[in-house]
Amino acid sequence: MLSKLFVALNFRSDSSLSRKIDGFKKRYDPKYRQRSFPHMALLAPFEVNSSEVTHLRGELREELESFFYGHNSPIKLGFSGVGIFQSKRNNVVYLTPRYCPDLKFCSDLVTDICTSFIPANQKYKPNENQFLPMGYFSLLDNMVEVIEQLKMEFTLNSELTIDGISLYEQKNGSWLLKENLISFENTQDSFLQLQERSI
């Protein structure tokens, strides 16, 4: 039996940019209710043997805790433009992320770990680039107004503060949180703290 998973950056929902993104999606994204949590996938969804999920979670958590150990400033993700991704089922309007070197390395690390768990007989097509989806549309006609509005409302120097990194699993057609792999707590003095591993 296979489990379908993905790993995502979770963003703080109390910032003005997060609220602005949520408001934009409510107005324009027909699939808002299915994908309303503030996140951005680090790699395309993938499938692993269900018996291997616990091992995958443990390896991801250990590597992320090691990678971010001693990090002492808030981690932010910036954006550099607007784009469209077209597939047979959907047209996705998105914001293009601008990774700092640490986040790029972290993304590559997560991708390498996850893809190493994909069974040899499973086909996996990685995305060339990851992005922050702003709306899913079946018809291109609906997107012209959305793209113009997106360009007007969002400046290119916008940043979102990362709250943590989580593993999600698909159940009955919906993506559900499987585990918070690492959480970042931004205190008043902006010192980054790692959440203790529960035993």
Protein backbone atom coordinates (compact mmCIF):
# COMPACT_ATOMS: atom_id res chain seq x y z
CA MET A 1 0.00 0.00 0.00
CA LEU A 2 1.25 3.49 -0.91
CA SER A 3 0.90 6.83 0.88
CA LYS A 4 0.89 10.10 -1.08
CA LEU A 5 2.86 12.87 0.66
CA PHE A 6 4.50 16.24 0.27
CA VAL A 7 6.68 18.48 2.44
CA ALA A 8 5.89 22.18 2.76
CA LEU A 9 7.05 25.42 4.28
CA ASN A 10 4.33 26.76 6.58
CA PHE A 11 3.98 30.52 6.93
CA ARG A 12 2.89 32.65 9.85
CA SER A 13 -0.75 33.54 9.29
CA ASP A 14 -0.75 36.72 11.40
CA SER A 15 1.36 38.91 9.10
CA SER A 16 -0.23 41.50 6.83
CA LEU A 17 1.10 39.71 3.72
CA SER A 18 -0.39 36.37 4.84
CA ARG A 19 -3.77 38.02 5.41
CA LYS A 20 -3.51 39.75 2.04
CA ILE A 21 -2.74 36.43 0.27
CA ASP A 22 -5.63 34.72 2.05
CA GLY A 23 -8.02 37.52 1.06
CA PHE A 24 -6.85 37.36 -2.55
CA LYS A 25 -7.38 33.58 -2.70
CA LYS A 26 -10.86 33.89 -1.14
CA ARG A 27 -11.86 36.32 -3.89
CA TYR A 28 -10.31 34.62 -6.90
CA ASP A 29 -9.43 30.97 -6.27
CA PRO A 30 -12.34 28.58 -7.04
CA LYS A 31 -10.52 25.85 -5.05
CA TYR A 32 -9.77 28.02 -2.02
CA ARG A 33 -11.41 25.70 0.53
CA GLN A 34 -9.29 22.72 -0.55
CA ARG A 35 -5.97 24.56 -0.21
CA SER A 36 -6.54 27.37 2.27
CA PHE A 37 -3.67 26.74 4.73
CA PRO A 38 -0.71 29.13 4.24
CA HIS A 39 2.03 26.90 2.81
CA MET A 40 4.34 26.28 -0.13
CA ALA A 41 5.40 22.78 -1.19
CA LEU A 42 9.13 22.10 -1.37
CA LEU A 43 8.66 19.35 -3.96
CA ALA A 44 5.91 17.76 -6.05
CA PRO A 45 3.73 15.19 -4.23
CA PHE A 46 5.29 11.73 -4.15
CA GLU A 47 4.31 8.21 -3.09
CA VAL A 48 6.10 5.89 -0.66
CA ASN A 49 5.27 2.54 0.87
CA SER A 50 3.00 3.17 3.86
CA SER A 51 5.31 1.03 6.01
CA GLU A 52 8.18 3.50 5.28
CA VAL A 53 6.36 6.72 6.31
CA THR A 54 7.56 6.58 9.95
CA HIS A 55 11.17 6.09 8.81
CA LEU A 56 10.85 8.98 6.33
CA ARG A 57 9.41 11.27 9.02
CA GLY A 58 12.24 10.44 11.38
CA GLU A 59 14.95 11.06 8.79
CA LEU A 60 13.43 14.37 7.67
CA ARG A 61 13.04 15.58 11.24
CA GLU A 62 16.59 14.63 12.22
CA GLU A 63 18.15 16.31 9.18
CA LEU A 64 16.08 19.50 9.56
CA GLU A 65 16.85 19.81 13.28
CA SER A 66 20.54 19.41 12.50
CA PHE A 67 20.39 21.85 9.58
CA PHE A 68 18.69 24.66 11.53
CA TYR A 69 20.49 24.09 14.84
CA GLY A 70 21.80 27.42 16.20
CA HIS A 71 20.02 29.53 13.58
CA ASN A 72 19.31 32.82 15.37
CA SER A 73 17.20 34.99 13.09
CA PRO A 74 13.69 34.71 11.58
CA ILE A 75 13.62 32.81 8.29
CA LYS A 76 11.82 34.64 5.51
CA LEU A 77 10.90 33.76 1.97
CA GLY A 78 10.80 36.55 -0.60
CA PHE A 79 9.02 36.65 -3.97
CA SER A 80 10.24 37.95 -7.31
CA GLY A 81 7.33 37.86 -9.75
CA VAL A 82 4.11 36.31 -11.05
CA GLY A 83 3.76 33.27 -13.32
CA ILE A 84 1.36 30.69 -14.78
CA PHE A 85 1.77 26.93 -14.66
CA GLN A 86 -0.34 25.02 -17.18
CA SER A 87 -1.30 21.35 -16.97
CA LYS A 88 -4.05 19.24 -18.51
CA ARG A 89 -6.36 19.74 -15.51
CA ASN A 90 -5.45 23.15 -14.14
CA ASN A 91 -3.93 26.52 -14.83
CA VAL A 92 -2.18 27.82 -11.71
CA VAL A 93 -1.42 31.48 -11.09
CA TYR A 94 1.49 31.82 -8.67
CA LEU A 95 4.12 33.97 -6.98
CA THR A 96 7.73 33.00 -7.74
CA PRO A 97 9.82 32.39 -4.60
CA ARG A 98 13.26 33.94 -4.17
CA TYR A 99 15.26 31.46 -2.10
CA CYS A 100 18.16 32.59 0.09
CA PRO A 101 21.12 30.12 -0.08
CA ASP A 102 20.09 28.39 3.20
CA LEU A 103 16.53 27.76 2.02
CA LYS A 104 17.73 26.52 -1.37
CA PHE A 105 20.04 24.04 0.31
CA CYS A 106 17.26 22.99 2.71
CA SER A 107 14.88 22.45 -0.23
CA ASP A 108 17.46 20.28 -2.03
CA LEU A 109 18.09 18.28 1.16
CA VAL A 110 14.36 17.58 1.67
CA THR A 111 13.93 16.63 -2.00
CA ASP A 112 16.87 14.20 -1.90
CA ILE A 113 15.56 12.48 1.25
CA CYS A 114 11.98 12.18 -0.02
CA THR A 115 12.89 10.91 -3.49
CA SER A 116 15.18 8.27 -1.94
CA PHE A 117 12.05 6.70 -0.37
CA ILE A 118 10.09 6.44 -3.64
CA PRO A 119 9.83 2.76 -4.67
CA ALA A 120 11.84 1.86 -7.78
CA ASN A 121 8.69 0.83 -9.69
CA GLN A 122 6.96 4.20 -9.08
CA LYS A 123 7.21 6.95 -11.68
CA TYR A 124 7.96 10.37 -10.22
CA LYS A 125 8.02 13.61 -12.16
CA PRO A 126 9.63 16.40 -10.13
CA ASN A 127 8.56 19.99 -10.67
CA GLU A 128 11.21 22.13 -12.35
CA ASN A 129 10.39 24.92 -9.90
CA GLN A 130 8.28 25.26 -6.78
CA PHE A 131 5.99 28.26 -6.30
CA LEU A 132 3.32 29.78 -4.07
CA PRO A 133 -0.07 29.06 -5.74
CA MET A 134 -2.52 31.98 -5.72
CA GLY A 135 -5.35 30.40 -7.72
CA TYR A 136 -6.33 27.28 -9.68
CA PHE A 137 -8.40 27.77 -12.85
CA SER A 138 -9.79 25.43 -15.48
CA LEU A 139 -10.26 28.21 -18.06
CA LEU A 140 -7.53 30.60 -19.20
CA ASP A 141 -10.10 33.37 -19.79
CA ASN A 142 -10.70 33.69 -16.04
CA MET A 143 -7.02 34.30 -15.39
CA VAL A 144 -6.37 37.57 -17.23
CA GLU A 145 -8.15 39.72 -14.64
CA VAL A 146 -6.61 37.69 -11.80
CA ILE A 147 -3.04 38.18 -13.07
CA GLU A 148 -3.51 41.92 -13.51
CA GLN A 149 -4.95 42.20 -10.01
CA LEU A 150 -2.11 40.10 -8.61
CA LYS A 151 0.51 42.38 -10.18
CA MET A 152 -1.24 45.43 -8.74
CA GLU A 153 -1.69 44.08 -5.21
CA PHE A 154 1.64 42.36 -4.57
CA THR A 155 5.00 44.09 -4.73
CA LEU A 156 8.14 42.18 -5.68
CA ASN A 157 9.88 42.83 -2.36
CA SER A 158 7.23 41.04 -0.29
CA GLU A 159 8.37 38.44 2.26
CA LEU A 160 6.64 35.81 4.36
CA THR A 161 8.01 34.57 7.69
CA ILE A 162 8.34 30.79 7.82
CA ASP A 163 6.61 29.20 10.81
CA GLY A 164 7.92 25.67 10.26
CA ILE A 165 8.22 22.74 7.88
CA SER A 166 5.59 19.98 7.82
CA LEU A 167 4.77 16.68 6.18
CA TYR A 168 1.30 16.36 4.61
CA GLU A 169 -0.57 13.24 3.51
CA GLN A 170 -3.48 12.84 1.10
CA LYS A 171 -6.56 11.23 2.64
CA ASN A 172 -9.86 10.93 0.75
CA GLY A 173 -8.81 13.57 -1.77
CA SER A 174 -7.73 16.17 0.82
CA TRP A 175 -4.28 17.07 2.12
CA LEU A 176 -3.99 16.66 5.90
CA LEU A 177 -1.15 17.51 8.24
CA LYS A 178 0.78 14.34 9.04
CA GLU A 179 3.50 15.86 11.23
CA ASN A 180 5.21 19.15 12.05
CA LEU A 181 8.82 18.25 11.29
CA ILE A 182 10.26 21.45 12.75
CA SER A 183 8.71 24.64 14.15
CA PHE A 184 10.21 28.08 14.47
CA GLU A 185 9.07 30.32 17.29
CA ASN A 186 9.76 34.00 16.69
CA THR A 187 10.12 35.65 20.07
CA GLN A 188 10.18 39.38 20.78
CA ASP A 189 13.96 39.51 20.50
CA SER A 190 13.75 37.68 17.13
CA PHE A 191 15.71 34.69 18.44
CA LEU A 192 14.80 31.52 16.56
CA GLN A 193 14.01 28.54 18.75
CA LEU A 194 13.61 24.93 17.73
CA GLN A 195 10.64 23.05 19.09
CA GLU A 196 11.71 20.23 21.38
CA ARG A 197 11.22 16.75 19.98
CA SER A 198 8.48 14.95 21.88
CA ILE A 199 9.41 11.51 23.15
